[in-house]
Every structure is written in C-alpha cells, then in structure tokens.
Amino acid sequence: MMVLAKAYLQEPKWLNEGYVATFDEQWWRENGVYSAGYLALLTMSLLGTVDEGTIGMLEWLNTFPPLLVTSSLIGRFCDDIGSSEFEHKRKHQYGVSWEKAKEEIKVMALDLWKTLNQELVVRPHHLPFPVLMRFLNLSRVIEVFYKKTDMFTYPELMKDYVVSLFLDNISV
C-alpha cells in the first residue's frame, strides 16, 4: 500500500511543478505500474483464498513480476484512453494531438495484451491456474471499464453491462 500511496502522490507533485511527463520517459511508466493499483487488488483477491493466498505468493507479487507489470500497464493505458478530457489535456506529450497520442497508447496496450497472453500460455507455469486467471480477468474488467469512456468514474454507464450479465438470458 505504501508503493501505491507514493505513486498517487507523484502525479500531483508533477502537476504542481508544471511538469508533463512524456511517453518516452521510462520512470513515468514505472509510476503508472505502481499507481494502477494492481498489486493491492491482486493481493486483496488472494487473501481470502486458502490454496493461493500463501505468504510465498504475496512475497512474489511484491517483487512486481513481469506478469504484474504487464497487467498493470494494460490497466494504466486503458485508463489513459478512457479518462476524462481534463486528464487528456494534462497528459499529452507536447506537440502531439490527443488523437495521435490515443492511437499510440492503443498500439502499446495491444502489444501488452500480446505479451500478457504469451506469459499466460507458457507451460509449465509455476503459478496455480486461479492466480493466472486473476491477472487475465482483472485486465479484462479494466478494459471494459475504460473501453469507450470512463465507466469507473461514472458507474451509471455500466448499467447495460450489468443488465446483460445478470438479467438477459443467453439463448443456446
């Protein structure tokens, strides 16, 4: 949680200093990995499980393994694509339109999806299948939240998804 708090404080610090990080700066992406909150979400999701929620698994997560980094960056980039107009103005690289930046972010997110899928299909894998599925499913739900707009900030926009998930019958 300390890593998440420090990452959350970094962006307002940059804003107060009038600094806009470019996409070329590696440490901006690193902060994005931390501020995406995936470590906290995955840790909490494992705490309630008997078989997967071991101390070893939690320590492994705390090393920010490639699977966590890839999944976190997918979430960060999906957030950047779907976030509010205010953030678009604040985050874009100087001299590049938001539409161009958004297309570049989509390409980077697509590459990360390929990497995540590749990491998930590698056999043999040292992780239990339910843990692997947590990485995949968290990335999937984040993509749904931000695919067209920022449904995380405006949850009323999720209504159609919730209705289709729980109320609409699937004909077989």
Protein backbone atom coordinates (compact mmCIF):
# COMPACT_ATOMS: atom_id res chain seq x y z
CA MET A 1 0.00 0.00 0.00
CA MET A 2 2.96 2.31 0.59
CA VAL A 3 4.03 1.88 -3.04
CA LEU A 4 0.52 2.81 -4.19
CA ALA A 5 0.38 5.87 -1.92
CA LYS A 6 3.78 7.12 -3.13
CA ALA A 7 2.73 6.65 -6.76
CA TYR A 8 -0.53 8.54 -6.13
CA LEU A 9 1.43 11.43 -4.63
CA GLN A 10 3.90 11.58 -7.52
CA GLU A 11 1.40 12.73 -10.15
CA PRO A 12 0.05 15.72 -8.14
CA LYS A 13 3.66 16.67 -7.41
CA TRP A 14 4.35 16.75 -11.15
CA LEU A 15 1.16 18.74 -11.70
CA ASN A 16 2.12 21.33 -9.06
CA GLU A 17 5.57 21.67 -10.61
CA GLY A 18 4.01 22.20 -14.05
CA TYR A 19 5.75 19.09 -15.31
CA VAL A 20 4.22 16.89 -18.02
CA ALA A 21 5.94 13.54 -18.44
CA THR A 22 6.39 12.29 -21.98
CA PHE A 23 5.73 8.74 -23.12
CA ASP A 24 9.43 8.28 -23.79
CA GLU A 25 10.34 8.58 -20.13
CA GLN A 26 10.64 5.12 -18.59
CA TRP A 27 10.10 6.26 -14.99
CA TRP A 28 6.69 7.71 -15.94
CA ARG A 29 5.61 4.22 -17.00
CA GLU A 30 7.07 2.77 -13.83
CA ASN A 31 4.97 5.15 -11.76
CA GLY A 32 1.99 4.08 -13.87
CA VAL A 33 2.63 0.46 -12.91
CA TYR A 34 2.50 1.38 -9.24
CA SER A 35 -0.42 3.82 -9.44
CA ALA A 36 -2.59 1.36 -11.37
CA GLY A 37 -3.21 -0.34 -8.03
CA TYR A 38 -2.92 -3.89 -9.37
CA LEU A 39 -0.61 -5.01 -6.55
CA ALA A 40 -3.20 -4.00 -3.96
CA LEU A 41 -6.11 -5.52 -5.91
CA LEU A 42 -4.38 -8.83 -6.58
CA THR A 43 -3.09 -9.07 -3.02
CA MET A 44 -6.58 -8.50 -1.62
CA SER A 45 -8.07 -11.03 -4.04
CA LEU A 46 -5.59 -13.67 -2.84
CA LEU A 47 -6.03 -13.04 0.88
CA GLY A 48 -9.35 -14.83 1.04
CA THR A 49 -8.13 -17.98 -0.69
CA VAL A 50 -6.70 -20.98 1.10
CA ASP A 51 -4.53 -22.53 -1.59
CA GLU A 52 -3.30 -19.47 -3.49
CA GLY A 53 -3.06 -16.86 -0.71
CA THR A 54 0.25 -18.06 0.68
CA ILE A 55 2.99 -15.88 2.10
CA GLY A 56 5.24 -17.00 -0.75
CA MET A 57 2.69 -15.90 -3.34
CA LEU A 58 2.26 -12.50 -1.68
CA GLU A 59 6.04 -12.03 -1.47
CA TRP A 60 6.34 -12.97 -5.15
CA LEU A 61 3.68 -10.36 -6.04
CA ASN A 62 5.63 -7.75 -4.07
CA THR A 63 8.61 -8.19 -6.44
CA PHE A 64 6.48 -6.77 -9.30
CA PRO A 65 6.99 -9.76 -11.62
CA PRO A 66 6.58 -9.28 -15.38
CA LEU A 67 3.03 -10.67 -15.27
CA LEU A 68 2.03 -7.97 -12.76
CA VAL A 69 3.85 -5.20 -14.66
CA THR A 70 2.24 -6.18 -17.98
CA SER A 71 -1.22 -6.41 -16.43
CA SER A 72 -0.74 -3.08 -14.60
CA LEU A 73 0.34 -1.27 -17.75
CA ILE A 74 -2.68 -2.60 -19.64
CA GLY A 75 -4.83 -1.09 -16.90
CA ARG A 76 -2.90 2.18 -16.90
CA PHE A 77 -3.11 2.58 -20.68
CA CYS A 78 -6.83 1.67 -20.78
CA ASP A 79 -7.38 4.28 -18.07
CA ASP A 80 -5.45 6.86 -20.07
CA ILE A 81 -7.51 6.15 -23.19
CA GLY A 82 -10.88 6.34 -21.45
CA SER A 83 -10.23 9.01 -18.86
CA SER A 84 -11.71 12.49 -18.74
CA GLU A 85 -10.91 15.36 -21.08
CA PHE A 86 -9.11 17.15 -18.23
CA GLU A 87 -6.62 14.32 -17.97
CA HIS A 88 -6.16 14.23 -21.73
CA LYS A 89 -5.12 17.87 -21.73
CA ARG A 90 -2.82 17.31 -18.79
CA LYS A 91 -1.14 14.12 -20.02
CA HIS A 92 -0.50 14.63 -23.70
CA GLN A 93 3.04 14.98 -24.96
CA TYR A 94 3.86 18.48 -26.17
CA GLY A 95 3.25 18.95 -29.87
CA VAL A 96 1.15 15.79 -30.27
CA SER A 97 -2.63 15.81 -30.61
CA TRP A 98 -4.69 13.73 -28.21
CA GLU A 99 -5.98 11.61 -31.12
CA LYS A 100 -2.41 10.74 -32.17
CA ALA A 101 -1.42 10.04 -28.56
CA LYS A 102 -4.51 7.86 -28.08
CA GLU A 103 -3.63 5.79 -31.15
CA GLU A 104 -0.08 5.29 -29.85
CA ILE A 105 -1.42 4.22 -26.44
CA LYS A 106 -3.77 1.75 -28.13
CA VAL A 107 -0.83 0.22 -30.02
CA MET A 108 1.17 -0.06 -26.78
CA ALA A 109 -1.84 -1.62 -25.00
CA LEU A 110 -2.30 -4.13 -27.82
CA ASP A 111 1.37 -5.11 -27.57
CA LEU A 112 0.93 -5.55 -23.82
CA TRP A 113 -2.10 -7.80 -24.39
CA LYS A 114 0.05 -9.96 -26.68
CA THR A 115 2.74 -10.11 -24.00
CA LEU A 116 0.21 -10.97 -21.29
CA ASN A 117 -1.33 -13.74 -23.40
CA GLN A 118 2.11 -15.11 -24.18
CA GLU A 119 3.05 -15.12 -20.49
CA LEU A 120 -0.21 -16.91 -19.62
CA VAL A 121 0.17 -19.72 -22.15
CA VAL A 122 3.80 -20.57 -21.35
CA ARG A 123 3.96 -24.08 -19.91
CA PRO A 124 4.97 -25.27 -17.45
CA HIS A 125 3.97 -22.35 -15.27
CA HIS A 126 4.97 -22.11 -11.63
CA LEU A 127 1.72 -20.38 -10.65
CA PRO A 128 -1.61 -22.05 -9.89
CA PHE A 129 -4.22 -21.59 -12.62
CA PRO A 130 -6.57 -19.50 -10.40
CA VAL A 131 -3.76 -16.98 -9.83
CA LEU A 132 -3.07 -16.71 -13.57
CA MET A 133 -6.77 -16.14 -14.19
CA ARG A 134 -6.79 -13.24 -11.71
CA PHE A 135 -4.24 -11.37 -13.85
CA LEU A 136 -6.23 -12.02 -17.01
CA ASN A 137 -9.64 -11.24 -15.51
CA LEU A 138 -8.50 -8.04 -13.81
CA SER A 139 -7.08 -6.82 -17.13
CA ARG A 140 -10.34 -7.76 -18.87
CA VAL A 141 -12.55 -5.89 -16.43
CA ILE A 142 -10.35 -2.79 -16.55
CA GLU A 143 -10.57 -2.80 -20.32
CA VAL A 144 -14.38 -2.94 -20.08
CA PHE A 145 -14.36 -0.05 -17.57
CA TYR A 146 -12.38 2.18 -19.93
CA LYS A 147 -13.08 0.80 -23.43
CA LYS A 148 -15.37 3.61 -24.63
CA THR A 149 -15.36 6.04 -21.74
CA ASP A 150 -14.51 6.25 -18.06
CA MET A 151 -17.09 3.89 -16.55
CA PHE A 152 -15.10 3.60 -13.35
CA THR A 153 -15.68 7.29 -12.57
CA TYR A 154 -19.21 7.22 -13.99
CA PRO A 155 -20.57 3.80 -12.93
CA GLU A 156 -24.08 4.57 -14.18
CA LEU A 157 -22.65 3.94 -17.66
CA MET A 158 -22.12 0.28 -16.64
CA LYS A 159 -25.86 -0.35 -16.42
CA ASP A 160 -26.14 -2.12 -19.79
CA TYR A 161 -23.21 -4.41 -18.95
CA VAL A 162 -24.66 -5.34 -15.57
CA VAL A 163 -28.11 -5.96 -17.03
CA SER A 164 -26.69 -8.16 -19.79
CA LEU A 165 -24.55 -10.07 -17.29
CA PHE A 166 -27.22 -10.80 -14.69
CA LEU A 167 -30.64 -10.35 -16.30
CA ASP A 168 -30.52 -11.07 -20.02
CA ASN A 169 -30.91 -14.71 -20.98
CA ILE A 170 -28.42 -16.27 -23.35
CA SER A 171 -30.16 -18.39 -25.95
CA VAL A 172 -28.47 -21.70 -26.53
